[in-house]
């Protein structure tokens, strides 16, 4: 009888399972043949359209709900130019816009032109700003006329009463 002495065992390191690799074909003809063979002999699975899906919502009598309506997608806005985002006026553009709009008669004419869209489609922000400026200026002019008329009439009455 032999004397048996167990040897110390090394811990076994787990290995990664082998990943299936796609076959490599040396030329295109062999790859084409393999693809044709796979398409010919691989099982074909198709979904049956007339059976309801698993856990599909149903009416109480067991008939499935009709499919959801398909709505058309909305049209996309035009893409901006490569230089800057769509509708953005540069800082220099705004400085020039403010300076030009401050000229008394020319500025109001330019505001009307920009509000009408003559600044180009890429300056939508300038168009909106010009519309806002025109509205504010018209309201200010109307208020000045009303206040001037009211104060003018009251001043005229004061002068008329003091002369008697």
Protein backbone atom coordinates (compact mmCIF):
# COMPACT_ATOMS: atom_id res chain seq x y z
CA UNK A 1 0.00 0.00 0.00
CA UNK A 2 1.25 3.41 -0.93
CA UNK A 3 1.11 6.33 1.27
CA UNK A 4 -1.19 8.92 -0.35
CA UNK A 5 -0.58 12.56 0.42
CA UNK A 6 -2.91 15.09 -1.21
CA UNK A 7 -1.20 17.83 -3.08
CA UNK A 8 -2.29 21.39 -2.37
CA UNK A 9 -4.66 22.51 -5.12
CA UNK A 10 -4.46 25.75 -6.98
CA UNK A 11 -7.66 27.77 -7.19
CA UNK A 12 -9.21 27.48 -10.61
CA UNK A 13 -9.72 30.78 -12.39
CA UNK A 14 -13.04 31.07 -14.22
CA UNK A 15 -12.64 31.49 -17.92
CA UNK A 16 -14.75 33.51 -20.28
CA UNK A 17 -17.11 31.45 -22.40
CA UNK A 18 -16.09 31.31 -26.00
CA UNK A 19 -17.82 33.94 -28.09
CA UNK A 20 -19.25 32.67 -31.34
CA UNK A 21 -17.33 34.18 -34.19
CA UNK A 22 -18.65 34.87 -37.63
CA UNK A 23 -17.00 32.63 -40.20
CA UNK A 24 -14.34 34.29 -42.26
CA UNK A 25 -14.44 33.65 -45.99
CA UNK A 26 -11.40 34.21 -48.16
CA UNK A 27 -13.38 35.48 -51.14
CA UNK A 28 -16.74 36.98 -51.97
CA UNK A 29 -17.99 33.89 -53.85
CA UNK A 30 -17.73 31.69 -50.75
CA UNK A 31 -19.46 34.32 -48.66
CA UNK A 32 -22.25 34.59 -51.22
CA UNK A 33 -22.66 30.78 -51.29
CA UNK A 34 -22.89 30.64 -47.50
CA UNK A 35 -25.50 33.42 -47.44
CA UNK A 36 -27.56 31.67 -50.10
CA UNK A 37 -27.38 28.37 -48.17
CA UNK A 38 -28.48 30.12 -44.97
CA UNK A 39 -31.42 31.79 -46.69
CA UNK A 40 -32.50 28.54 -48.33
CA UNK A 41 -32.33 26.18 -45.36
CA UNK A 42 -32.84 28.46 -42.33
CA UNK A 43 -36.29 28.18 -40.78
CA UNK A 44 -38.58 31.03 -41.68
CA UNK A 45 -40.64 32.48 -38.84
CA UNK A 46 -43.48 34.87 -39.60
CA UNK A 47 -45.90 36.54 -37.24
CA UNK A 48 -49.55 35.83 -37.79
CA UNK A 49 -51.37 39.11 -38.32
CA UNK A 50 -54.87 37.82 -37.52
CA UNK A 51 -54.11 36.70 -33.95
CA UNK A 52 -54.07 39.30 -31.18
CA UNK A 53 -50.78 40.10 -29.52
CA UNK A 54 -49.95 38.79 -26.08
CA UNK A 55 -51.84 40.80 -23.44
CA UNK A 56 -53.31 43.06 -26.11
CA UNK A 57 -56.16 45.20 -24.72
CA UNK A 58 -59.55 43.76 -25.51
CA UNK A 59 -63.18 44.75 -25.28
CA UNK A 60 -65.27 42.89 -22.68
CA UNK A 61 -66.64 40.61 -25.39
CA UNK A 62 -63.09 39.44 -26.22
CA UNK A 63 -62.47 41.31 -29.47
CA UNK A 64 -59.20 43.27 -29.59
CA UNK A 65 -59.12 47.05 -29.73
CA UNK A 66 -58.54 48.55 -33.18
CA UNK A 67 -54.97 49.67 -33.88
CA UNK A 68 -53.99 53.22 -32.98
CA UNK A 69 -54.36 55.72 -35.82
CA UNK A 70 -51.21 56.71 -37.66
CA UNK A 71 -50.84 60.48 -37.91
CA UNK A 72 -48.57 62.21 -40.43
CA UNK A 73 -45.38 63.69 -39.05
CA UNK A 74 -44.98 67.45 -38.80
CA UNK A 75 -42.81 69.28 -41.29
CA UNK A 76 -39.33 70.13 -40.08
CA UNK A 77 -38.12 73.72 -39.91
CA UNK A 78 -35.36 74.66 -42.34
CA UNK A 79 -31.85 74.03 -41.09
CA UNK A 80 -29.73 77.03 -40.04
CA UNK A 81 -26.72 78.21 -41.99
CA UNK A 82 -23.37 76.78 -40.98
CA UNK A 83 -22.09 80.09 -39.52
CA UNK A 84 -24.59 80.79 -36.77
CA UNK A 85 -27.90 79.48 -35.40
CA UNK A 86 -31.11 80.24 -37.28
CA UNK A 87 -32.59 83.62 -36.40
CA UNK A 88 -29.55 84.93 -34.58
CA UNK A 89 -28.17 88.40 -35.31
CA UNK A 90 -24.57 88.99 -34.26
CA UNK A 91 -23.53 91.59 -31.69
CA UNK A 92 -22.22 93.91 -34.39
CA UNK A 93 -25.47 93.51 -36.28
CA UNK A 94 -27.46 94.58 -33.21
CA UNK A 95 -25.20 97.60 -32.60
CA UNK A 96 -25.73 98.73 -36.20
CA UNK A 97 -29.47 98.06 -35.94
CA UNK A 98 -29.85 100.18 -32.79
CA UNK A 99 -27.75 103.03 -34.20
CA UNK A 100 -29.66 103.09 -37.50
CA UNK A 101 -33.05 102.91 -35.78
CA UNK A 102 -32.12 105.91 -33.58
CA UNK A 103 -31.99 108.27 -36.60
CA UNK A 104 -35.32 110.13 -36.40
CA UNK A 105 -37.05 109.64 -39.77
CA UNK A 106 -34.71 107.10 -41.39
CA UNK A 107 -34.91 104.87 -38.32
CA UNK A 108 -38.70 104.63 -38.48
CA UNK A 109 -38.57 103.79 -42.19
CA UNK A 110 -35.96 101.10 -41.51
CA UNK A 111 -38.11 99.67 -38.72
CA UNK A 112 -41.00 99.36 -41.15
CA UNK A 113 -38.72 97.65 -43.70
CA UNK A 114 -37.33 95.19 -41.13
CA UNK A 115 -40.82 94.49 -39.76
CA UNK A 116 -41.99 93.70 -43.31
CA UNK A 117 -39.27 91.03 -43.54
CA UNK A 118 -36.83 92.86 -45.81
CA UNK A 119 -33.93 91.94 -43.50
CA UNK A 120 -33.94 88.38 -44.82
CA UNK A 121 -35.40 85.13 -43.51
CA UNK A 122 -32.32 84.45 -41.38
CA UNK A 123 -32.99 87.56 -39.24
CA UNK A 124 -36.35 86.61 -37.73
CA UNK A 125 -35.25 88.06 -34.40
CA UNK A 126 -34.63 91.48 -36.00
CA UNK A 127 -38.11 91.35 -37.58
CA UNK A 128 -39.77 90.64 -34.22
CA UNK A 129 -37.73 93.40 -32.55
CA UNK A 130 -38.71 95.91 -35.27
CA UNK A 131 -42.40 95.03 -34.85
CA UNK A 132 -42.12 95.56 -31.10
CA UNK A 133 -40.34 98.90 -31.59
CA UNK A 134 -43.01 100.13 -34.00
CA UNK A 135 -45.78 99.19 -31.57
CA UNK A 136 -44.01 100.90 -28.66
CA UNK A 137 -43.32 104.06 -30.72
CA UNK A 138 -46.90 104.33 -31.98
CA UNK A 139 -48.28 103.90 -28.45
CA UNK A 140 -45.81 106.51 -27.14
CA UNK A 141 -46.77 109.01 -29.86
CA UNK A 142 -50.48 108.50 -29.16
CA UNK A 143 -49.91 109.00 -25.42
CA UNK A 144 -47.86 112.17 -26.03
CA UNK A 145 -50.60 113.59 -28.24
CA UNK A 146 -53.30 112.79 -25.67
CA UNK A 147 -51.27 114.21 -22.77
CA UNK A 148 -50.26 117.29 -24.77
CA UNK A 149 -53.82 117.94 -25.83
CA UNK A 150 -55.15 117.53 -22.30
CA UNK A 151 -52.49 119.72 -20.74
CA UNK A 152 -52.70 122.24 -23.57
CA UNK A 153 -56.41 122.70 -23.11
CA UNK A 154 -56.01 123.05 -19.37
CA UNK A 155 -53.24 125.65 -19.84
CA UNK A 156 -55.39 127.57 -22.29
CA UNK A 157 -58.24 127.65 -19.77
CA UNK A 158 -55.87 128.89 -17.04
CA UNK A 159 -54.65 131.71 -19.28
CA UNK A 160 -58.18 132.58 -20.33
CA UNK A 161 -59.35 132.87 -16.72
CA UNK A 162 -56.38 134.97 -15.65
CA UNK A 163 -56.97 137.65 -18.30
CA UNK A 164 -60.38 138.62 -17.03
